[in-house]
PDB file of N, CA and C in Angstrom:
ATOM      1  N   UNK A   1      21.148 -37.435 -23.453  1.00  0.00           N
ATOM      2  CA  UNK A   1      20.397 -37.814 -24.642  1.00  0.00           C
ATOM      3  C   UNK A   1      19.077 -38.442 -24.214  1.00  0.00           C
ATOM      4  N   UNK A   2      18.031 -38.080 -24.852  1.00  0.00           N
ATOM      5  CA  UNK A   2      16.693 -38.556 -24.517  1.00  0.00           C
ATOM      6  C   UNK A   2      16.482 -39.980 -25.013  1.00  0.00           C
ATOM      7  N   UNK A   3      15.615 -40.715 -24.322  1.00  0.00           N
ATOM      8  CA  UNK A   3      15.296 -42.068 -24.758  1.00  0.00           C
ATOM      9  C   UNK A   3      13.875 -42.175 -25.295  1.00  0.00           C
ATOM     10  N   UNK A   4      13.149 -41.089 -25.296  1.00  0.00           N
ATOM     11  CA  UNK A   4      11.789 -41.106 -25.817  1.00  0.00           C
ATOM     12  C   UNK A   4      11.146 -39.744 -25.701  1.00  0.00           C
ATOM     13  N   UNK A   5       9.975 -39.639 -26.311  1.00  0.00           N
ATOM     14  CA  UNK A   5       9.243 -38.377 -26.277  1.00  0.00           C
ATOM     15  C   UNK A   5       8.690 -38.129 -24.878  1.00  0.00           C
ATOM     16  N   UNK A   6       8.660 -36.874 -24.491  1.00  0.00           N
ATOM     17  CA  UNK A   6       8.123 -36.457 -23.198  1.00  0.00           C
ATOM     18  C   UNK A   6       6.642 -36.143 -23.378  1.00  0.00           C
ATOM     19  N   UNK A   7       5.785 -36.754 -22.560  1.00  0.00           N
ATOM     20  CA  UNK A   7       4.348 -36.480 -22.622  1.00  0.00           C
ATOM     21  C   UNK A   7       4.062 -35.146 -21.943  1.00  0.00           C
ATOM     22  N   UNK A   8       3.323 -34.281 -22.653  1.00  0.00           N
ATOM     23  CA  UNK A   8       2.971 -32.978 -22.099  1.00  0.00           C
ATOM     24  C   UNK A   8       1.459 -32.761 -22.203  1.00  0.00           C
ATOM     25  N   UNK A   9       1.001 -31.679 -21.581  1.00  0.00           N
ATOM     26  CA  UNK A   9      -0.418 -31.315 -21.600  1.00  0.00           C
ATOM     27  C   UNK A   9      -0.536 -29.808 -21.863  1.00  0.00           C
ATOM     28  N   UNK A  10      -1.774 -29.351 -22.026  1.00  0.00           N
ATOM     29  CA  UNK A  10      -2.002 -27.907 -22.145  1.00  0.00           C
ATOM     30  C   UNK A  10      -1.388 -27.169 -20.957  1.00  0.00           C
ATOM     31  N   UNK A  11      -1.496 -27.769 -19.769  1.00  0.00           N
ATOM     32  CA  UNK A  11      -1.067 -27.108 -18.544  1.00  0.00           C
ATOM     33  C   UNK A  11       0.435 -26.820 -18.507  1.00  0.00           C
ATOM     34  N   UNK A  12       1.250 -27.726 -19.037  1.00  0.00           N
ATOM     35  CA  UNK A  12       2.697 -27.498 -18.976  1.00  0.00           C
ATOM     36  C   UNK A  12       3.305 -27.192 -20.347  1.00  0.00           C
ATOM     37  N   UNK A  13       2.461 -26.875 -21.332  1.00  0.00           N
ATOM     38  CA  UNK A  13       2.934 -26.595 -22.680  1.00  0.00           C
ATOM     39  C   UNK A  13       3.925 -25.437 -22.721  1.00  0.00           C
ATOM     40  N   UNK A  14       3.586 -24.341 -22.078  1.00  0.00           N
ATOM     41  CA  UNK A  14       4.458 -23.166 -22.135  1.00  0.00           C
ATOM     42  C   UNK A  14       5.838 -23.481 -21.566  1.00  0.00           C
ATOM     43  N   UNK A  15       5.874 -24.128 -20.424  1.00  0.00           N
ATOM     44  CA  UNK A  15       7.149 -24.458 -19.792  1.00  0.00           C
ATOM     45  C   UNK A  15       7.953 -25.446 -20.625  1.00  0.00           C
ATOM     46  N   UNK A  16       7.310 -26.512 -21.081  1.00  0.00           N
ATOM     47  CA  UNK A  16       8.023 -27.580 -21.786  1.00  0.00           C
ATOM     48  C   UNK A  16       8.384 -27.223 -23.226  1.00  0.00           C
ATOM     49  N   UNK A  17       7.580 -26.402 -23.887  1.00  0.00           N
ATOM     50  CA  UNK A  17       7.780 -26.139 -25.308  1.00  0.00           C
ATOM     51  C   UNK A  17       8.236 -24.709 -25.572  1.00  0.00           C
ATOM     52  N   UNK A  18       7.431 -23.736 -25.189  1.00  0.00           N
ATOM     53  CA  UNK A  18       7.744 -22.354 -25.534  1.00  0.00           C
ATOM     54  C   UNK A  18       9.001 -21.839 -24.840  1.00  0.00           C
ATOM     55  N   UNK A  19       9.317 -22.377 -23.671  1.00  0.00           N
ATOM     56  CA  UNK A  19      10.505 -21.940 -22.940  1.00  0.00           C
ATOM     57  C   UNK A  19      11.691 -22.882 -23.126  1.00  0.00           C
ATOM     58  N   UNK A  20      11.571 -23.843 -24.035  1.00  0.00           N
ATOM     59  CA  UNK A  20      12.651 -24.804 -24.265  1.00  0.00           C
ATOM     60  C   UNK A  20      13.862 -24.116 -24.893  1.00  0.00           C
ATOM     61  N   UNK A  21      15.045 -24.579 -24.527  1.00  0.00           N
ATOM     62  CA  UNK A  21      16.283 -24.039 -25.076  1.00  0.00           C
ATOM     63  C   UNK A  21      16.567 -24.567 -26.482  1.00  0.00           C
ATOM     64  N   UNK A  22      16.027 -25.724 -26.797  1.00  0.00           N
ATOM     65  CA  UNK A  22      16.244 -26.369 -28.085  1.00  0.00           C
ATOM     66  C   UNK A  22      15.004 -26.248 -28.961  1.00  0.00           C
ATOM     67  N   UNK A  23      15.140 -26.474 -30.268  1.00  0.00           N
ATOM     68  CA  UNK A  23      13.934 -26.617 -31.094  1.00  0.00           C
ATOM     69  C   UNK A  23      13.120 -27.794 -30.546  1.00  0.00           C
ATOM     70  N   UNK A  24      11.811 -27.760 -30.756  1.00  0.00           N
ATOM     71  CA  UNK A  24      10.936 -28.803 -30.212  1.00  0.00           C
ATOM     72  C   UNK A  24      10.166 -29.477 -31.340  1.00  0.00           C
ATOM     73  N   UNK A  25      10.217 -30.810 -31.351  1.00  0.00           N
ATOM     74  CA  UNK A  25       9.379 -31.608 -32.236  1.00  0.00           C
ATOM     75  C   UNK A  25       8.129 -31.935 -31.429  1.00  0.00           C
ATOM     76  N   UNK A  26       7.020 -31.356 -31.821  1.00  0.00           N
ATOM     77  CA  UNK A  26       5.751 -31.511 -31.116  1.00  0.00           C
ATOM     78  C   UNK A  26       4.904 -32.509 -31.886  1.00  0.00           C
ATOM     79  N   UNK A  27       4.626 -33.637 -31.265  1.00  0.00           N
ATOM     80  CA  UNK A  27       3.898 -34.737 -31.898  1.00  0.00           C
ATOM     81  C   UNK A  27       2.490 -34.816 -31.308  1.00  0.00           C
ATOM     82  N   UNK A  28       1.487 -34.604 -32.162  1.00  0.00           N
ATOM     83  CA  UNK A  28       0.079 -34.697 -31.754  1.00  0.00           C
ATOM     84  C   UNK A  28      -0.425 -36.086 -32.091  1.00  0.00           C
ATOM     85  N   UNK A  29      -1.081 -36.737 -31.125  1.00  0.00           N
ATOM     86  CA  UNK A  29      -1.541 -38.105 -31.322  1.00  0.00           C
ATOM     87  C   UNK A  29      -2.852 -38.335 -30.576  1.00  0.00           C
ATOM     88  N   UNK A  30      -3.459 -39.509 -30.835  1.00  0.00           N
ATOM     89  CA  UNK A  30      -4.673 -39.917 -30.127  1.00  0.00           C
ATOM     90  C   UNK A  30      -4.615 -41.429 -29.886  1.00  0.00           C
ATOM     91  N   UNK A  31      -5.153 -41.857 -28.769  1.00  0.00           N
ATOM     92  CA  UNK A  31      -5.119 -43.285 -28.417  1.00  0.00           C
ATOM     93  C   UNK A  31      -5.924 -44.132 -29.394  1.00  0.00           C
ATOM     94  N   UNK A  32      -6.944 -43.558 -30.032  1.00  0.00           N
ATOM     95  CA  UNK A  32      -7.805 -44.287 -30.953  1.00  0.00           C
ATOM     96  C   UNK A  32      -7.280 -44.271 -32.390  1.00  0.00           C
ATOM     97  N   UNK A  33      -6.153 -43.617 -32.613  1.00  0.00           N
ATOM     98  CA  UNK A  33      -5.608 -43.391 -33.956  1.00  0.00           C
ATOM     99  C   UNK A  33      -4.624 -44.498 -34.347  1.00  0.00           C
ATOM    100  N   UNK A  34      -5.027 -45.339 -35.307  1.00  0.00           N
ATOM    101  CA  UNK A  34      -4.158 -46.414 -35.786  1.00  0.00           C
ATOM    102  C   UNK A  34      -2.837 -45.913 -36.342  1.00  0.00           C
ATOM    103  N   UNK A  35      -2.850 -44.923 -37.251  1.00  0.00           N
ATOM    104  CA  UNK A  35      -1.586 -44.405 -37.780  1.00  0.00           C
ATOM    105  C   UNK A  35      -0.668 -43.831 -36.689  1.00  0.00           C
ATOM    106  N   UNK A  36      -1.262 -43.308 -35.617  1.00  0.00           N
ATOM    107  CA  UNK A  36      -0.447 -42.790 -34.513  1.00  0.00           C
ATOM    108  C   UNK A  36       0.353 -43.918 -33.861  1.00  0.00           C
ATOM    109  N   UNK A  37      -0.272 -45.095 -33.775  1.00  0.00           N
ATOM    110  CA  UNK A  37       0.425 -46.251 -33.202  1.00  0.00           C
ATOM    111  C   UNK A  37       1.638 -46.625 -34.051  1.00  0.00           C
ATOM    112  N   UNK A  38       1.528 -46.426 -35.360  1.00  0.00           N
ATOM    113  CA  UNK A  38       2.647 -46.703 -36.256  1.00  0.00           C
ATOM    114  C   UNK A  38       3.751 -45.653 -36.123  1.00  0.00           C
ATOM    115  N   UNK A  39       3.372 -44.423 -35.870  1.00  0.00           N
ATOM    116  CA  UNK A  39       4.349 -43.330 -35.805  1.00  0.00           C
ATOM    117  C   UNK A  39       5.056 -43.223 -34.459  1.00  0.00           C
ATOM    118  N   UNK A  40       4.421 -43.663 -33.403  1.00  0.00           N
ATOM    119  CA  UNK A  40       4.998 -43.470 -32.066  1.00  0.00           C
ATOM    120  C   UNK A  40       6.426 -44.003 -31.931  1.00  0.00           C
ATOM    121  N   UNK A  41       6.742 -45.213 -32.438  1.00  0.00           N
ATOM    122  CA  UNK A  41       8.130 -45.674 -32.331  1.00  0.00           C
ATOM    123  C   UNK A  41       9.112 -44.771 -33.080  1.00  0.00           C
ATOM    124  N   UNK A  42       8.669 -44.191 -34.183  1.00  0.00           N
ATOM    125  CA  UNK A  42       9.549 -43.301 -34.952  1.00  0.00           C
ATOM    126  C   UNK A  42       9.792 -41.990 -34.211  1.00  0.00           C
ATOM    127  N   UNK A  43       8.774 -41.526 -33.493  1.00  0.00           N
ATOM    128  CA  UNK A  43       8.933 -40.306 -32.697  1.00  0.00           C
ATOM    129  C   UNK A  43       9.946 -40.556 -31.584  1.00  0.00           C
ATOM    130  N   UNK A  44       9.861 -41.727 -30.955  1.00  0.00           N
ATOM    131  CA  UNK A  44      10.830 -42.080 -29.916  1.00  0.00           C
ATOM    132  C   UNK A  44      12.230 -42.243 -30.504  1.00  0.00           C
ATOM    133  N   UNK A  45      12.317 -42.774 -31.722  1.00  0.00           N
ATOM    134  CA  UNK A  45      13.604 -42.888 -32.408  1.00  0.00           C
ATOM    135  C   UNK A  45      14.199 -41.498 -32.639  1.00  0.00           C
ATOM    136  N   UNK A  46      13.363 -40.554 -33.068  1.00  0.00           N
ATOM    137  CA  UNK A  46      13.833 -39.175 -33.271  1.00  0.00           C
ATOM    138  C   UNK A  46      14.344 -38.590 -31.960  1.00  0.00           C
ATOM    139  N   UNK A  47      13.655 -38.883 -30.862  1.00  0.00           N
ATOM    140  CA  UNK A  47      14.086 -38.384 -29.555  1.00  0.00           C
ATOM    141  C   UNK A  47      15.461 -38.941 -29.197  1.00  0.00           C
ATOM    142  N   UNK A  48      15.689 -40.195 -29.527  1.00  0.00           N
ATOM    143  CA  UNK A  48      16.978 -40.821 -29.232  1.00  0.00           C
ATOM    144  C   UNK A  48      18.074 -40.296 -30.155  1.00  0.00           C
ATOM    145  N   UNK A  49      17.777 -40.247 -31.445  1.00  0.00           N
ATOM    146  CA  UNK A  49      18.779 -39.852 -32.446  1.00  0.00           C
ATOM    147  C   UNK A  49      19.147 -38.369 -32.360  1.00  0.00           C
ATOM    148  N   UNK A  50      18.183 -37.510 -32.083  1.00  0.00           N
ATOM    149  CA  UNK A  50      18.413 -36.068 -32.094  1.00  0.00           C
ATOM    150  C   UNK A  50      18.324 -35.431 -30.714  1.00  0.00           C
ATOM    151  N   UNK A  51      18.308 -36.240 -29.680  1.00  0.00           N
ATOM    152  CA  UNK A  51      18.097 -35.741 -28.322  1.00  0.00           C
ATOM    153  C   UNK A  51      19.064 -34.675 -27.854  1.00  0.00           C
ATOM    154  N   UNK A  52      20.247 -34.619 -28.456  1.00  0.00           N
ATOM    155  CA  UNK A  52      21.211 -33.597 -28.066  1.00  0.00           C
ATOM    156  C   UNK A  52      20.944 -32.257 -28.744  1.00  0.00           C
ATOM    157  N   UNK A  53      20.104 -32.256 -29.787  1.00  0.00           N
ATOM    158  CA  UNK A  53      19.837 -31.028 -30.551  1.00  0.00           C
ATOM    159  C   UNK A  53      18.366 -30.661 -30.607  1.00  0.00           C
ATOM    160  N   UNK A  54      17.509 -31.534 -30.092  1.00  0.00           N
ATOM    161  CA  UNK A  54      16.076 -31.402 -30.283  1.00  0.00           C
ATOM    162  C   UNK A  54      15.337 -31.961 -29.079  1.00  0.00           C
ATOM    163  N   UNK A  55      14.329 -31.236 -28.627  1.00  0.00           N
ATOM    164  CA  UNK A  55      13.451 -31.741 -27.576  1.00  0.00           C
ATOM    165  C   UNK A  55      12.229 -32.334 -28.264  1.00  0.00           C
ATOM    166  N   UNK A  56      11.876 -33.562 -27.915  1.00  0.00           N
ATOM    167  CA  UNK A  56      10.744 -34.235 -28.543  1.00  0.00           C
ATOM    168  C   UNK A  56       9.658 -34.434 -27.496  1.00  0.00           C
ATOM    169  N   UNK A  57       8.476 -33.884 -27.793  1.00  0.00           N
ATOM    170  CA  UNK A  57       7.344 -34.003 -26.875  1.00  0.00           C
ATOM    171  C   UNK A  57       6.134 -34.537 -27.627  1.00  0.00           C
ATOM    172  N   UNK A  58       5.238 -35.188 -26.887  1.00  0.00           N
ATOM    173  CA  UNK A  58       3.999 -35.682 -27.488  1.00  0.00           C
ATOM    174  C   UNK A  58       2.833 -35.192 -26.649  1.00  0.00           C
ATOM    175  N   UNK A  59       1.749 -34.873 -27.359  1.00  0.00           N
ATOM    176  CA  UNK A  59       0.563 -34.372 -26.675  1.00  0.00           C
ATOM    177  C   UNK A  59      -0.665 -35.059 -27.261  1.00  0.00           C
ATOM    178  N   UNK A  60      -1.454 -35.640 -26.379  1.00  0.00           N
ATOM    179  CA  UNK A  60      -2.680 -36.311 -26.816  1.00  0.00           C
ATOM    180  C   UNK A  60      -3.729 -35.253 -27.138  1.00  0.00           C
ATOM    181  N   UNK A  61      -4.365 -35.366 -28.299  1.00  0.00           N
ATOM    182  CA  UNK A  61      -5.242 -34.291 -28.771  1.00  0.00           C
ATOM    183  C   UNK A  61      -6.532 -34.141 -27.963  1.00  0.00           C
ATOM    184  N   UNK A  62      -7.190 -35.226 -27.626  1.00  0.00           N
ATOM    185  CA  UNK A  62      -8.508 -35.118 -26.998  1.00  0.00           C
ATOM    186  C   UNK A  62      -8.519 -34.370 -25.667  1.00  0.00           C
ATOM    187  N   UNK A  63      -7.596 -34.642 -24.739  1.00  0.00           N
ATOM    188  CA  UNK A  63      -7.637 -33.910 -23.468  1.00  0.00           C
ATOM    189  C   UNK A  63      -6.918 -32.554 -23.483  1.00  0.00           C
ATOM    190  N   UNK A  64      -6.392 -32.145 -24.636  1.00  0.00           N
ATOM    191  CA  UNK A  64      -5.598 -30.916 -24.703  1.00  0.00           C
ATOM    192  C   UNK A  64      -6.047 -30.009 -25.851  1.00  0.00           C
ATOM    193  N   UNK A  65      -7.300 -29.538 -25.823  1.00  0.00           N
ATOM    194  CA  UNK A  65      -7.840 -28.777 -26.953  1.00  0.00           C
ATOM    195  C   UNK A  65      -7.193 -27.412 -27.170  1.00  0.00           C
ATOM    196  N   UNK A  66      -6.629 -26.806 -26.139  1.00  0.00           N
ATOM    197  CA  UNK A  66      -6.043 -25.473 -26.288  1.00  0.00           C
ATOM    198  C   UNK A  66      -4.840 -25.521 -27.234  1.00  0.00           C
ATOM    199  N   UNK A  67      -3.944 -26.461 -27.004  1.00  0.00           N
ATOM    200  CA  UNK A  67      -2.750 -26.587 -27.844  1.00  0.00           C
ATOM    201  C   UNK A  67      -3.121 -27.045 -29.247  1.00  0.00           C
ATOM    202  N   UNK A  68      -4.084 -27.957 -29.351  1.00  0.00           N
ATOM    203  CA  UNK A  68      -4.548 -28.430 -30.663  1.00  0.00           C
ATOM    204  C   UNK A  68      -5.065 -27.255 -31.489  1.00  0.00           C
ATOM    205  N   UNK A  69      -5.862 -26.396 -30.863  1.00  0.00           N
ATOM    206  CA  UNK A  69      -6.395 -25.234 -31.568  1.00  0.00           C
ATOM    207  C   UNK A  69      -5.291 -24.241 -31.917  1.00  0.00           C
ATOM    208  N   UNK A  70      -4.388 -24.014 -30.991  1.00  0.00           N
ATOM    209  CA  UNK A  70      -3.299 -23.054 -31.206  1.00  0.00           C
ATOM    210  C   UNK A  70      -2.466 -23.435 -32.431  1.00  0.00           C
ATOM    211  N   UNK A  71      -2.248 -24.743 -32.637  1.00  0.00           N
ATOM    212  CA  UNK A  71      -1.424 -25.196 -33.754  1.00  0.00           C
ATOM    213  C   UNK A  71      -2.249 -25.704 -34.931  1.00  0.00           C
ATOM    214  N   UNK A  72      -3.549 -25.423 -34.908  1.00  0.00           N
ATOM    215  CA  UNK A  72      -4.451 -25.722 -36.013  1.00  0.00           C
ATOM    216  C   UNK A  72      -4.336 -27.169 -36.502  1.00  0.00           C
ATOM    217  N   UNK A  73      -4.327 -28.090 -35.555  1.00  0.00           N
ATOM    218  CA  UNK A  73      -4.242 -29.510 -35.888  1.00  0.00           C
ATOM    219  C   UNK A  73      -5.620 -29.978 -36.330  1.00  0.00           C
ATOM    220  N   UNK A  74      -5.698 -30.482 -37.546  1.00  0.00           N
ATOM    221  CA  UNK A  74      -6.971 -30.952 -38.087  1.00  0.00           C
ATOM    222  C   UNK A  74      -7.035 -32.466 -38.183  1.00  0.00           C
ATOM    223  N   UNK A  75      -5.900 -33.117 -38.116  1.00  0.00           N
ATOM    224  CA  UNK A  75      -5.863 -34.575 -38.186  1.00  0.00           C
ATOM    225  C   UNK A  75      -4.625 -35.098 -37.478  1.00  0.00           C
ATOM    226  N   UNK A  76      -4.694 -36.329 -37.027  1.00  0.00           N
ATOM    227  CA  UNK A  76      -3.554 -36.947 -36.358  1.00  0.00           C
ATOM    228  C   UNK A  76      -3.152 -38.211 -37.112  1.00  0.00           C
ATOM    229  N   UNK A  77      -1.899 -38.564 -37.062  1.00  0.00           N
ATOM    230  CA  UNK A  77      -0.824 -37.889 -36.345  1.00  0.00           C
ATOM    231  C   UNK A  77      -0.430 -36.581 -37.020  1.00  0.00           C
ATOM    232  N   UNK A  78       0.088 -35.672 -36.218  1.00  0.00           N
ATOM    233  CA  UNK A  78       0.546 -34.383 -36.733  1.00  0.00           C
ATOM    234  C   UNK A  78       1.859 -34.023 -36.050  1.00  0.00           C
ATOM    235  N   UNK A  79       2.700 -33.323 -36.790  1.00  0.00           N
ATOM    236  CA  UNK A  79       3.992 -32.892 -36.271  1.00  0.00           C
ATOM    237  C   UNK A  79       4.140 -31.401 -36.507  1.00  0.00           C
ATOM    238  N   UNK A  80       4.667 -30.732 -35.498  1.00  0.00           N
ATOM    239  CA  UNK A  80       5.067 -29.344 -35.637  1.00  0.00           C
ATOM    240  C   UNK A  80       6.490 -29.255 -35.095  1.00  0.00           C
ATOM    241  N   UNK A  81       7.386 -28.729 -35.890  1.00  0.00           N
ATOM    242  CA  UNK A  81       8.742 -28.441 -35.426  1.00  0.00           C
ATOM    243  C   UNK A  81       8.759 -26.958 -35.123  1.00  0.00           C
ATOM    244  N   UNK A  82       9.014 -26.614 -33.867  1.00  0.00           N
ATOM    245  CA  UNK A  82       8.932 -25.214 -33.472  1.00  0.00           C
ATOM    246  C   UNK A  82      10.165 -24.784 -32.700  1.00  0.00           C
ATOM    247  N   UNK A  83      10.425 -23.505 -32.784  1.00  0.00           N
ATOM    248  CA  UNK A  83      11.485 -22.872 -31.992  1.00  0.00           C
ATOM    249  C   UNK A  83      10.853 -21.636 -31.378  1.00  0.00           C
ATOM    250  N   UNK A  84      10.782 -21.607 -30.061  1.00  0.00           N
ATOM    251  CA  UNK A  84      10.067 -20.520 -29.394  1.00  0.00           C
ATOM    252  C   UNK A  84       8.607 -20.603 -29.774  1.00  0.00           C
ATOM    253  N   UNK A  85       8.060 -19.527 -30.331  1.00  0.00           N
ATOM    254  CA  UNK A  85       6.655 -19.557 -30.748  1.00  0.00           C
ATOM    255  C   UNK A  85       6.527 -19.612 -32.276  1.00  0.00           C
ATOM    256  N   UNK A  86       7.611 -19.931 -32.976  1.00  0.00           N
ATOM    257  CA  UNK A  86       7.618 -19.969 -34.435  1.00  0.00           C
ATOM    258  C   UNK A  86       7.553 -21.415 -34.952  1.00  0.00           C
ATOM    259  N   UNK A  87       6.580 -21.691 -35.816  1.00  0.00           N
ATOM    260  CA  UNK A  87       6.461 -23.015 -36.430  1.00  0.00           C
ATOM    261  C   UNK A  87       7.397 -23.066 -37.634  1.00  0.00           C
ATOM    262  N   UNK A  88       8.330 -24.020 -37.610  1.00  0.00           N
ATOM    263  CA  UNK A  88       9.319 -24.171 -38.673  1.00  0.00           C
ATOM    264  C   UNK A  88       8.882 -25.201 -39.712  1.00  0.00           C
ATOM    265  N   UNK A  89       8.239 -26.269 -39.240  1.00  0.00           N
ATOM    266  CA  UNK A  89       7.753 -27.343 -40.112  1.00  0.00           C
ATOM    267  C   UNK A  89       6.401 -27.787 -39.575  1.00  0.00           C
ATOM    268  N   UNK A  90       5.468 -28.060 -40.483  1.00  0.00           N
ATOM    269  CA  UNK A  90       4.132 -28.508 -40.096  1.00  0.00           C
ATOM    270  C   UNK A  90       3.694 -29.629 -41.034  1.00  0.00           C
ATOM    271  N   UNK A  91       3.384 -30.803 -40.468  1.00  0.00           N
ATOM    272  CA  UNK A  91       2.893 -31.918 -41.277  1.00  0.00           C
ATOM    273  C   UNK A  91       1.733 -32.590 -40.561  1.00  0.00           C
ATOM    274  N   UNK A  92       0.875 -33.200 -41.342  1.00  0.00           N
ATOM    275  CA  UNK A  92      -0.203 -34.022 -40.794  1.00  0.00           C
ATOM    276  C   UNK A  92      -0.258 -35.310 -41.592  1.00  0.00           C
ATOM    277  N   UNK A  93      -0.599 -36.390 -40.916  1.00  0.00           N
ATOM    278  CA  UNK A  93      -0.653 -37.698 -41.548  1.00  0.00           C
ATOM    279  C   UNK A  93       0.595 -38.498 -41.221  1.00  0.00           C
ATOM    280  N   UNK A  94       0.455 -39.788 -41.394  1.00  0.00           N
ATOM    281  CA  UNK A  94       1.567 -40.686 -41.076  1.00  0.00           C
ATOM    282  C   UNK A  94       2.699 -40.500 -42.080  1.00  0.00           C
ATOM    283  N   UNK A  95       3.925 -40.621 -41.590  1.00  0.00           N
ATOM    284  CA  UNK A  95       5.077 -40.583 -42.485  1.00  0.00           C
ATOM    285  C   UNK A  95       6.024 -41.699 -42.068  1.00  0.00           C
ATOM    286  N   UNK A  96       6.766 -42.181 -43.019  1.00  0.00           N
ATOM    287  CA  UNK A  96       7.717 -43.250 -42.747  1.00  0.00           C
ATOM    288  C   UNK A  96       8.943 -42.745 -42.015  1.00  0.00           C
ATOM    289  N   UNK A  97       9.697 -43.685 -41.498  1.00  0.00           N
ATOM    290  CA  UNK A  97      10.925 -43.369 -40.772  1.00  0.00           C
ATOM    291  C   UNK A  97      11.881 -42.551 -41.638  1.00  0.00           C
ATOM    292  N   UNK A  98      12.078 -42.974 -42.887  1.00  0.00           N
ATOM    293  CA  UNK A  98      13.016 -42.276 -43.769  1.00  0.00           C
ATOM    294  C   UNK A  98      12.603 -40.821 -43.989  1.00  0.00           C
ATOM    295  N   UNK A  99      11.302 -40.593 -44.163  1.00  0.00           N
ATOM    296  CA  UNK A  99      10.823 -39.224 -44.390  1.00  0.00           C
ATOM    297  C   UNK A  99      11.024 -38.367 -43.146  1.00  0.00           C
ATOM    298  N   UNK A 100      10.743 -38.917 -41.978  1.00  0.00           N
ATOM    299  CA  UNK A 100      10.923 -38.170 -40.731  1.00  0.00           C
ATOM    300  C   UNK A 100      12.400 -37.830 -40.526  1.00  0.00           C
ATOM    301  N   UNK A 101      13.278 -38.800 -40.720  1.00  0.00           N
ATOM    302  CA  UNK A 101      14.709 -38.571 -40.556  1.00  0.00           C
ATOM    303  C   UNK A 101      15.192 -37.542 -41.582  1.00  0.00           C
ATOM    304  N   UNK A 102      14.712 -37.659 -42.802  1.00  0.00           N
ATOM    305  CA  UNK A 102      15.086 -36.711 -43.858  1.00  0.00           C
ATOM    306  C   UNK A 102      14.641 -35.292 -43.496  1.00  0.00           C
ATOM    307  N   UNK A 103      13.424 -35.162 -42.995  1.00  0.00           N
ATOM    308  CA  UNK A 103      12.896 -33.855 -42.599  1.00  0.00           C
ATOM    309  C   UNK A 103      13.767 -33.229 -41.511  1.00  0.00           C
ATOM    310  N   UNK A 104      14.126 -34.027 -40.514  1.00  0.00           N
ATOM    311  CA  UNK A 104      14.943 -33.504 -39.412  1.00  0.00           C
ATOM    312  C   UNK A 104      16.375 -33.224 -39.857  1.00  0.00           C
ATOM    313  N   UNK A 105      16.956 -34.126 -40.665  1.00  0.00           N
ATOM    314  CA  UNK A 105      18.316 -33.896 -41.175  1.00  0.00           C
ATOM    315  C   UNK A 105      18.365 -32.618 -41.996  1.00  0.00           C
ATOM    316  N   UNK A 106      17.355 -32.418 -42.829  1.00  0.00           N
ATOM    317  CA  UNK A 106      17.298 -31.201 -43.659  1.00  0.00           C
ATOM    318  C   UNK A 106      17.258 -29.955 -42.780  1.00  0.00           C
ATOM    319  N   UNK A 107      16.447 -29.993 -41.737  1.00  0.00           N
ATOM    320  CA  UNK A 107      16.369 -28.853 -40.827  1.00  0.00           C
ATOM    321  C   UNK A 107      17.726 -28.584 -40.189  1.00  0.00           C
ATOM    322  N   UNK A 108      18.356 -29.634 -39.635  1.00  0.00           N
ATOM    323  CA  UNK A 108      19.622 -29.419 -38.932  1.00  0.00           C
ATOM    324  C   UNK A 108      20.765 -29.077 -39.881  1.00  0.00           C
ATOM    325  N   UNK A 109      20.736 -29.556 -41.094  1.00  0.00           N
ATOM    326  CA  UNK A 109      21.784 -29.230 -42.073  1.00  0.00           C
ATOM    327  C   UNK A 109      21.666 -27.792 -42.577  1.00  0.00           C
ATOM    328  N   UNK A 110      20.470 -27.215 -42.474  1.00  0.00           N
ATOM    329  CA  UNK A 110      20.250 -25.849 -42.954  1.00  0.00           C
ATOM    330  C   UNK A 110      20.253 -24.811 -41.838  1.00  0.00           C
ATOM    331  N   UNK A 111      20.413 -25.246 -40.606  1.00  0.00           N
ATOM    332  CA  UNK A 111      20.380 -24.318 -39.460  1.00  0.00           C
ATOM    333  C   UNK A 111      21.570 -24.508 -38.550  1.00  0.00           C
TER     334      UNK A 111
END
């Protein structure tokens, strides 16, 4: 079981995300983003709570423009739930713990 989100970059995106055996919660963030600071603990909570069914990764937007462009991220924080190369859920903006847990529970209850 994971204890937190794994930091990734454009360079290891394919290996860590596209080749993952589990669905991946991809969290886009920036060091200068206040709402991202609020969301980071919730992303780590998701990694702990769903670590047996979900891989949770985080990618900083500024040094990783290729992945940001690929997933059409226009604002941070942003979340993409993906399986292989298919985007299952896409959100932008801060969300509360309850909403994040609800989103993930809904996904796992329907799949």
